PDB file of N, CA and C in Angstrom:
ATOM      1  N   MET A   1     129.540 100.382 141.250  1.00  0.00           N
ATOM      2  CA  MET A   1     129.856 101.796 141.414  1.00  0.00           C
ATOM      3  C   MET A   1     129.094 102.344 142.613  1.00  0.00           C
ATOM      4  N   TYR A   2     129.805 103.023 143.492  1.00  0.00           N
ATOM      5  CA  TYR A   2     129.182 103.618 144.674  1.00  0.00           C
ATOM      6  C   TYR A   2     128.597 104.978 144.318  1.00  0.00           C
ATOM      7  N   SER A   3     127.403 105.218 144.803  1.00  0.00           N
ATOM      8  CA  SER A   3     126.835 106.560 144.669  1.00  0.00           C
ATOM      9  C   SER A   3     126.455 107.029 146.064  1.00  0.00           C
ATOM     10  N   ASN A   4     126.553 108.312 146.270  1.00  0.00           N
ATOM     11  CA  ASN A   4     126.239 108.885 147.566  1.00  0.00           C
ATOM     12  C   ASN A   4     124.754 108.743 147.857  1.00  0.00           C
ATOM     13  N   ARG A   5     124.458 108.354 149.062  1.00  0.00           N
ATOM     14  CA  ARG A   5     123.069 108.137 149.448  1.00  0.00           C
ATOM     15  C   ARG A   5     122.490 109.393 150.091  1.00  0.00           C
ATOM     16  N   ILE A   6     121.176 109.494 150.021  1.00  0.00           N
ATOM     17  CA  ILE A   6     120.456 110.643 150.563  1.00  0.00           C
ATOM     18  C   ILE A   6     120.245 110.445 152.061  1.00  0.00           C
ATOM     19  N   VAL A   7     120.565 111.502 152.818  1.00  0.00           N
ATOM     20  CA  VAL A   7     120.400 111.462 154.267  1.00  0.00           C
ATOM     21  C   VAL A   7     119.179 112.276 154.700  1.00  0.00           C
ATOM     22  N   LYS A   8     119.004 113.434 154.060  1.00  0.00           N
ATOM     23  CA  LYS A   8     117.955 114.363 154.483  1.00  0.00           C
ATOM     24  C   LYS A   8     117.555 115.238 153.305  1.00  0.00           C
ATOM     25  N   ILE A   9     116.296 115.681 153.308  1.00  0.00           N
ATOM     26  CA  ILE A   9     115.828 116.591 152.260  1.00  0.00           C
ATOM     27  C   ILE A   9     115.036 117.733 152.872  1.00  0.00           C
ATOM     28  N   LYS A  10     114.973 118.815 152.142  1.00  0.00           N
ATOM     29  CA  LYS A  10     114.101 119.941 152.479  1.00  0.00           C
ATOM     30  C   LYS A  10     113.439 120.363 151.178  1.00  0.00           C
ATOM     31  N   ILE A  11     112.113 120.426 151.208  1.00  0.00           N
ATOM     32  CA  ILE A  11     111.327 120.674 149.997  1.00  0.00           C
ATOM     33  C   ILE A  11     110.788 122.096 150.003  1.00  0.00           C
ATOM     34  N   PHE A  12     110.874 122.759 148.845  1.00  0.00           N
ATOM     35  CA  PHE A  12     110.346 124.105 148.653  1.00  0.00           C
ATOM     36  C   PHE A  12     109.306 124.035 147.531  1.00  0.00           C
ATOM     37  N   PRO A  13     108.049 123.704 147.880  1.00  0.00           N
ATOM     38  CA  PRO A  13     107.038 123.481 146.837  1.00  0.00           C
ATOM     39  C   PRO A  13     106.724 124.712 145.996  1.00  0.00           C
ATOM     40  N   ASP A  14     106.867 125.912 146.552  1.00  0.00           N
ATOM     41  CA  ASP A  14     106.532 127.109 145.778  1.00  0.00           C
ATOM     42  C   ASP A  14     107.499 127.350 144.625  1.00  0.00           C
ATOM     43  N   THR A  15     108.748 126.875 144.758  1.00  0.00           N
ATOM     44  CA  THR A  15     109.743 127.073 143.707  1.00  0.00           C
ATOM     45  C   THR A  15     110.152 125.758 143.035  1.00  0.00           C
ATOM     46  N   PHE A  16     109.563 124.647 143.492  1.00  0.00           N
ATOM     47  CA  PHE A  16     109.886 123.315 142.977  1.00  0.00           C
ATOM     48  C   PHE A  16     111.379 123.009 143.103  1.00  0.00           C
ATOM     49  N   ASN A  17     111.924 123.379 144.252  1.00  0.00           N
ATOM     50  CA  ASN A  17     113.317 123.082 144.567  1.00  0.00           C
ATOM     51  C   ASN A  17     113.371 122.098 145.720  1.00  0.00           C
ATOM     52  N   ILE A  18     114.427 121.314 145.740  1.00  0.00           N
ATOM     53  CA  ILE A  18     114.666 120.391 146.838  1.00  0.00           C
ATOM     54  C   ILE A  18     116.136 120.504 147.223  1.00  0.00           C
ATOM     55  N   LEU A  19     116.396 120.662 148.524  1.00  0.00           N
ATOM     56  CA  LEU A  19     117.751 120.548 149.031  1.00  0.00           C
ATOM     57  C   LEU A  19     117.949 119.114 149.455  1.00  0.00           C
ATOM     58  N   VAL A  20     119.064 118.526 149.041  1.00  0.00           N
ATOM     59  CA  VAL A  20     119.358 117.135 149.363  1.00  0.00           C
ATOM     60  C   VAL A  20     120.720 117.064 150.038  1.00  0.00           C
ATOM     61  N   LEU A  21     120.732 116.505 151.248  1.00  0.00           N
ATOM     62  CA  LEU A  21     121.985 116.260 151.962  1.00  0.00           C
ATOM     63  C   LEU A  21     122.374 114.809 151.705  1.00  0.00           C
ATOM     64  N   PHE A  22     123.590 114.619 151.194  1.00  0.00           N
ATOM     65  CA  PHE A  22     124.095 113.287 150.904  1.00  0.00           C
ATOM     66  C   PHE A  22     125.001 112.802 152.035  1.00  0.00           C
ATOM     67  N   ASP A  23     125.249 111.505 152.050  1.00  0.00           N
ATOM     68  CA  ASP A  23     126.003 110.906 153.148  1.00  0.00           C
ATOM     69  C   ASP A  23     127.472 111.307 153.198  1.00  0.00           C
ATOM     70  N   ASN A  24     127.974 111.982 152.188  1.00  0.00           N
ATOM     71  CA  ASN A  24     129.349 112.482 152.208  1.00  0.00           C
ATOM     72  C   ASN A  24     129.412 113.927 152.727  1.00  0.00           C
ATOM     73  N   GLY A  25     128.267 114.456 153.190  1.00  0.00           N
ATOM     74  CA  GLY A  25     128.216 115.804 153.746  1.00  0.00           C
ATOM     75  C   GLY A  25     127.918 116.897 152.737  1.00  0.00           C
ATOM     76  N   VAL A  26     127.819 116.563 151.469  1.00  0.00           N
ATOM     77  CA  VAL A  26     127.539 117.545 150.410  1.00  0.00           C
ATOM     78  C   VAL A  26     126.032 117.780 150.326  1.00  0.00           C
ATOM     79  N   THR A  27     125.664 119.062 150.238  1.00  0.00           N
ATOM     80  CA  THR A  27     124.267 119.434 150.021  1.00  0.00           C
ATOM     81  C   THR A  27     124.138 119.967 148.601  1.00  0.00           C
ATOM     82  N   LYS A  28     123.130 119.477 147.912  1.00  0.00           N
ATOM     83  CA  LYS A  28     122.880 119.931 146.541  1.00  0.00           C
ATOM     84  C   LYS A  28     121.462 120.481 146.447  1.00  0.00           C
ATOM     85  N   LYS A  29     121.325 121.514 145.627  1.00  0.00           N
ATOM     86  CA  LYS A  29     120.021 122.108 145.349  1.00  0.00           C
ATOM     87  C   LYS A  29     119.567 121.594 143.991  1.00  0.00           C
ATOM     88  N   ILE A  30     118.374 120.998 143.990  1.00  0.00           N
ATOM     89  CA  ILE A  30     117.821 120.475 142.745  1.00  0.00           C
ATOM     90  C   ILE A  30     116.654 121.352 142.334  1.00  0.00           C
ATOM     91  N   ASP A  31     116.776 121.987 141.169  1.00  0.00           N
ATOM     92  CA  ASP A  31     115.693 122.774 140.595  1.00  0.00           C
ATOM     93  C   ASP A  31     114.883 121.827 139.723  1.00  0.00           C
ATOM     94  N   PHE A  32     113.699 121.469 140.203  1.00  0.00           N
ATOM     95  CA  PHE A  32     112.899 120.447 139.549  1.00  0.00           C
ATOM     96  C   PHE A  32     112.036 120.999 138.416  1.00  0.00           C
ATOM     97  N   LYS A  33     112.039 122.318 138.205  1.00  0.00           N
ATOM     98  CA  LYS A  33     111.157 122.899 137.185  1.00  0.00           C
ATOM     99  C   LYS A  33     111.398 122.295 135.799  1.00  0.00           C
ATOM    100  N   LYS A  34     112.638 122.052 135.444  1.00  0.00           N
ATOM    101  CA  LYS A  34     112.943 121.463 134.134  1.00  0.00           C
ATOM    102  C   LYS A  34     112.398 120.042 134.011  1.00  0.00           C
ATOM    103  N   LYS A  35     112.471 119.294 135.102  1.00  0.00           N
ATOM    104  CA  LYS A  35     111.988 117.910 135.084  1.00  0.00           C
ATOM    105  C   LYS A  35     110.471 117.854 134.923  1.00  0.00           C
ATOM    106  N   LEU A  36     109.761 118.887 135.374  1.00  0.00           N
ATOM    107  CA  LEU A  36     108.303 118.892 135.317  1.00  0.00           C
ATOM    108  C   LEU A  36     107.774 118.881 133.886  1.00  0.00           C
ATOM    109  N   ASP A  37     108.603 119.254 132.921  1.00  0.00           N
ATOM    110  CA  ASP A  37     108.201 119.229 131.513  1.00  0.00           C
ATOM    111  C   ASP A  37     108.240 117.815 130.929  1.00  0.00           C
ATOM    112  N   GLU A  38     108.897 116.891 131.640  1.00  0.00           N
ATOM    113  CA  GLU A  38     108.934 115.498 131.195  1.00  0.00           C
ATOM    114  C   GLU A  38     107.628 114.820 131.615  1.00  0.00           C
ATOM    115  N   ASP A  39     107.074 114.007 130.730  1.00  0.00           N
ATOM    116  CA  ASP A  39     105.804 113.330 131.021  1.00  0.00           C
ATOM    117  C   ASP A  39     105.851 112.573 132.342  1.00  0.00           C
ATOM    118  N   PHE A  40     106.969 111.901 132.613  1.00  0.00           N
ATOM    119  CA  PHE A  40     107.089 111.076 133.812  1.00  0.00           C
ATOM    120  C   PHE A  40     106.876 111.878 135.093  1.00  0.00           C
ATOM    121  N   TYR A  41     107.304 113.150 135.100  1.00  0.00           N
ATOM    122  CA  TYR A  41     107.235 113.994 136.302  1.00  0.00           C
ATOM    123  C   TYR A  41     106.132 115.046 136.251  1.00  0.00           C
ATOM    124  N   SER A  42     105.329 115.078 135.201  1.00  0.00           N
ATOM    125  CA  SER A  42     104.362 116.168 135.022  1.00  0.00           C
ATOM    126  C   SER A  42     103.336 116.265 136.161  1.00  0.00           C
ATOM    127  N   ASP A  43     102.994 115.155 136.807  1.00  0.00           N
ATOM    128  CA  ASP A  43     102.044 115.210 137.928  1.00  0.00           C
ATOM    129  C   ASP A  43     102.590 116.002 139.114  1.00  0.00           C
ATOM    130  N   LEU A  44     103.902 116.167 139.162  1.00  0.00           N
ATOM    131  CA  LEU A  44     104.511 116.899 140.280  1.00  0.00           C
ATOM    132  C   LEU A  44     104.317 118.406 140.170  1.00  0.00           C
ATOM    133  N   LYS A  45     103.687 118.863 139.090  1.00  0.00           N
ATOM    134  CA  LYS A  45     103.324 120.279 139.006  1.00  0.00           C
ATOM    135  C   LYS A  45     102.314 120.626 140.097  1.00  0.00           C
ATOM    136  N   ASN A  46     101.632 119.619 140.606  1.00  0.00           N
ATOM    137  CA  ASN A  46     100.736 119.775 141.755  1.00  0.00           C
ATOM    138  C   ASN A  46     101.613 119.923 143.003  1.00  0.00           C
ATOM    139  N   LYS A  47     101.637 121.121 143.580  1.00  0.00           N
ATOM    140  CA  LYS A  47     102.521 121.408 144.713  1.00  0.00           C
ATOM    141  C   LYS A  47     102.237 120.519 145.914  1.00  0.00           C
ATOM    142  N   LEU A  48     100.970 120.135 146.098  1.00  0.00           N
ATOM    143  CA  LEU A  48     100.641 119.253 147.224  1.00  0.00           C
ATOM    144  C   LEU A  48     101.318 117.890 147.054  1.00  0.00           C
ATOM    145  N   LEU A  49     101.349 117.388 145.827  1.00  0.00           N
ATOM    146  CA  LEU A  49     102.041 116.130 145.569  1.00  0.00           C
ATOM    147  C   LEU A  49     103.550 116.321 145.658  1.00  0.00           C
ATOM    148  N   PHE A  50     104.055 117.401 145.076  1.00  0.00           N
ATOM    149  CA  PHE A  50     105.498 117.651 145.067  1.00  0.00           C
ATOM    150  C   PHE A  50     106.076 117.642 146.480  1.00  0.00           C
ATOM    151  N   GLN A  51     105.377 118.255 147.419  1.00  0.00           N
ATOM    152  CA  GLN A  51     105.909 118.364 148.782  1.00  0.00           C
ATOM    153  C   GLN A  51     105.828 117.059 149.564  1.00  0.00           C
ATOM    154  N   GLN A  52     105.285 116.003 148.964  1.00  0.00           N
ATOM    155  CA  GLN A  52     105.170 114.717 149.638  1.00  0.00           C
ATOM    156  C   GLN A  52     106.352 113.781 149.361  1.00  0.00           C
ATOM    157  N   ALA A  53     107.410 114.295 148.776  1.00  0.00           N
ATOM    158  CA  ALA A  53     108.584 113.468 148.489  1.00  0.00           C
ATOM    159  C   ALA A  53     109.112 112.826 149.763  1.00  0.00           C
ATOM    160  N   GLN A  54     109.479 111.566 149.637  1.00  0.00           N
ATOM    161  CA  GLN A  54     110.039 110.800 150.743  1.00  0.00           C
ATOM    162  C   GLN A  54     111.348 110.155 150.291  1.00  0.00           C
ATOM    163  N   ILE A  55     112.283 110.035 151.231  1.00  0.00           N
ATOM    164  CA  ILE A  55     113.540 109.352 150.934  1.00  0.00           C
ATOM    165  C   ILE A  55     113.272 107.852 150.894  1.00  0.00           C
ATOM    166  N   ASP A  56     113.745 107.194 149.844  1.00  0.00           N
ATOM    167  CA  ASP A  56     113.598 105.744 149.724  1.00  0.00           C
ATOM    168  C   ASP A  56     114.456 105.045 150.778  1.00  0.00           C
ATOM    169  N   ALA A  57     114.079 103.834 151.121  1.00  0.00           N
ATOM    170  CA  ALA A  57     114.841 103.029 152.073  1.00  0.00           C
ATOM    171  C   ALA A  57     116.298 102.949 151.636  1.00  0.00           C
ATOM    172  N   GLY A  58     117.192 103.178 152.559  1.00  0.00           N
ATOM    173  CA  GLY A  58     118.616 103.129 152.257  1.00  0.00           C
ATOM    174  C   GLY A  58     119.162 104.383 151.616  1.00  0.00           C
ATOM    175  N   GLY A  59     118.293 105.378 151.330  1.00  0.00           N
ATOM    176  CA  GLY A  59     118.745 106.627 150.728  1.00  0.00           C
ATOM    177  C   GLY A  59     119.048 106.531 149.255  1.00  0.00           C
ATOM    178  N   TYR A  60     118.430 105.547 148.582  1.00  0.00           N
ATOM    179  CA  TYR A  60     118.731 105.300 147.170  1.00  0.00           C
ATOM    180  C   TYR A  60     117.910 106.133 146.194  1.00  0.00           C
ATOM    181  N   GLY A  61     117.154 107.094 146.684  1.00  0.00           N
ATOM    182  CA  GLY A  61     116.374 107.944 145.800  1.00  0.00           C
ATOM    183  C   GLY A  61     115.252 108.611 146.549  1.00  0.00           C
ATOM    184  N   LEU A  62     114.404 109.318 145.794  1.00  0.00           N
ATOM    185  CA  LEU A  62     113.204 109.947 146.339  1.00  0.00           C
ATOM    186  C   LEU A  62     111.997 109.368 145.622  1.00  0.00           C
ATOM    187  N   SER A  63     110.912 109.228 146.361  1.00  0.00           N
ATOM    188  CA  SER A  63     109.657 108.760 145.775  1.00  0.00           C
ATOM    189  C   SER A  63     108.530 109.671 146.204  1.00  0.00           C
ATOM    190  N   TRP A  64     107.585 109.844 145.291  1.00  0.00           N
ATOM    191  CA  TRP A  64     106.376 110.595 145.604  1.00  0.00           C
ATOM    192  C   TRP A  64     105.185 109.656 145.764  1.00  0.00           C
ATOM    193  N   ASN A  65     105.186 108.616 144.981  1.00  0.00           N
ATOM    194  CA  ASN A  65     104.146 107.582 145.063  1.00  0.00           C
ATOM    195  C   ASN A  65     104.705 106.335 144.379  1.00  0.00           C
ATOM    196  N   ASP A  66     103.859 105.361 144.125  1.00  0.00           N
ATOM    197  CA  ASP A  66     104.329 104.122 143.507  1.00  0.00           C
ATOM    198  C   ASP A  66     104.789 104.307 142.065  1.00  0.00           C
ATOM    199  N   ASP A  67     104.411 105.419 141.446  1.00  0.00           N
ATOM    200  CA  ASP A  67     104.715 105.637 140.039  1.00  0.00           C
ATOM    201  C   ASP A  67     105.823 106.652 139.774  1.00  0.00           C
ATOM    202  N   ILE A  68     106.091 107.539 140.720  1.00  0.00           N
ATOM    203  CA  ILE A  68     107.034 108.636 140.470  1.00  0.00           C
ATOM    204  C   ILE A  68     108.182 108.557 141.464  1.00  0.00           C
ATOM    205  N   ASP A  69     109.398 108.442 140.919  1.00  0.00           N
ATOM    206  CA  ASP A  69     110.588 108.425 141.764  1.00  0.00           C
ATOM    207  C   ASP A  69     111.783 108.924 140.962  1.00  0.00           C
ATOM    208  N   ILE A  70     112.896 109.150 141.674  1.00  0.00           N
ATOM    209  CA  ILE A  70     114.135 109.573 141.026  1.00  0.00           C
ATOM    210  C   ILE A  70     115.286 109.023 141.859  1.00  0.00           C
ATOM    211  N   SER A  71     116.326 108.574 141.198  1.00  0.00           N
ATOM    212  CA  SER A  71     117.446 107.943 141.894  1.00  0.00           C
ATOM    213  C   SER A  71     118.363 108.976 142.539  1.00  0.00           C
ATOM    214  N   GLU A  72     119.110 108.520 143.532  1.00  0.00           N
ATOM    215  CA  GLU A  72     120.105 109.369 144.177  1.00  0.00           C
ATOM    216  C   GLU A  72     121.178 109.773 143.179  1.00  0.00           C
ATOM    217  N   PHE A  73     121.509 108.886 142.246  1.00  0.00           N
ATOM    218  CA  PHE A  73     122.522 109.180 141.242  1.00  0.00           C
ATOM    219  C   PHE A  73     122.097 110.346 140.355  1.00  0.00           C
ATOM    220  N   GLU A  74     120.840 110.332 139.905  1.00  0.00           N
ATOM    221  CA  GLU A  74     120.361 111.412 139.049  1.00  0.00           C
ATOM    222  C   GLU A  74     120.277 112.723 139.822  1.00  0.00           C
ATOM    223  N   LEU A  75     119.824 112.664 141.075  1.00  0.00           N
ATOM    224  CA  LEU A  75     119.777 113.879 141.891  1.00  0.00           C
ATOM    225  C   LEU A  75     121.172 114.469 142.060  1.00  0.00           C
ATOM    226  N   TRP A  76     122.151 113.614 142.309  1.00  0.00           N
ATOM    227  CA  TRP A  76     123.535 114.066 142.447  1.00  0.00           C
ATOM    228  C   TRP A  76     123.998 114.726 141.150  1.00  0.00           C
ATOM    229  N   ASP A  77     123.648 114.106 140.031  1.00  0.00           N
ATOM    230  CA  ASP A  77     124.089 114.567 138.724  1.00  0.00           C
ATOM    231  C   ASP A  77     123.475 115.912 138.337  1.00  0.00           C
ATOM    232  N   ILE A  78     122.178 116.108 138.607  1.00  0.00           N
ATOM    233  CA  ILE A  78     121.522 117.339 138.172  1.00  0.00           C
ATOM    234  C   ILE A  78     121.564 118.456 139.228  1.00  0.00           C
ATOM    235  N   GLY A  79     121.961 118.116 140.442  1.00  0.00           N
ATOM    236  CA  GLY A  79     121.986 119.111 141.514  1.00  0.00           C
ATOM    237  C   GLY A  79     123.190 120.028 141.432  1.00  0.00           C
ATOM    238  N   GLU A  80     123.032 121.189 142.047  1.00  0.00           N
ATOM    239  CA  GLU A  80     124.131 122.153 142.142  1.00  0.00           C
ATOM    240  C   GLU A  80     124.572 122.233 143.591  1.00  0.00           C
ATOM    241  N   ASN A  81     125.879 122.175 143.814  1.00  0.00           N
ATOM    242  CA  ASN A  81     126.394 122.290 145.171  1.00  0.00           C
ATOM    243  C   ASN A  81     125.937 123.604 145.795  1.00  0.00           C
ATOM    244  N   THR A  82     125.598 123.531 147.079  1.00  0.00           N
ATOM    245  CA  THR A  82     125.170 124.735 147.793  1.00  0.00           C
ATOM    246  C   THR A  82     125.688 124.681 149.214  1.00  0.00           C
ATOM    247  N   GLU A  83     125.844 125.828 149.808  1.00  0.00           N
ATOM    248  CA  GLU A  83     126.240 125.926 151.210  1.00  0.00           C
ATOM    249  C   GLU A  83     125.016 125.979 152.121  1.00  0.00           C
ATOM    250  N   ASP A  84     123.814 126.005 151.514  1.00  0.00           N
ATOM    251  CA  ASP A  84     122.587 126.030 152.309  1.00  0.00           C
ATOM    252  C   ASP A  84     122.542 124.805 153.208  1.00  0.00           C
ATOM    253  N   LYS A  85     122.031 125.011 154.411  1.00  0.00           N
ATOM    254  CA  LYS A  85     121.925 123.913 155.372  1.00  0.00           C
ATOM    255  C   LYS A  85     120.487 123.449 155.483  1.00  0.00           C
ATOM    256  N   ILE A  86     120.360 122.168 155.726  1.00  0.00           N
ATOM    257  CA  ILE A  86     119.034 121.586 155.896  1.00  0.00           C
ATOM    258  C   ILE A  86     118.734 121.475 157.372  1.00  0.00           C
TER     259      ILE A  86
END
């Protein structure tokens, strides 16, 4: 199954939002506040860590460190389409 890969991101640490541009030209806004309640993502409540998100090789997800990441598929699934530009 093909999933759209991540091309570019813009991080808003004060609101825990991320804009993600996918390779099909669609931009989605991900509100990460809900994810922060999950144990796996709770360290991202630290805004300094949150803003360090990097696109994984090939655009297959985002990573913050060796322990915290999220797939492009999940970002696509939980994101809301937006006309905002990165």
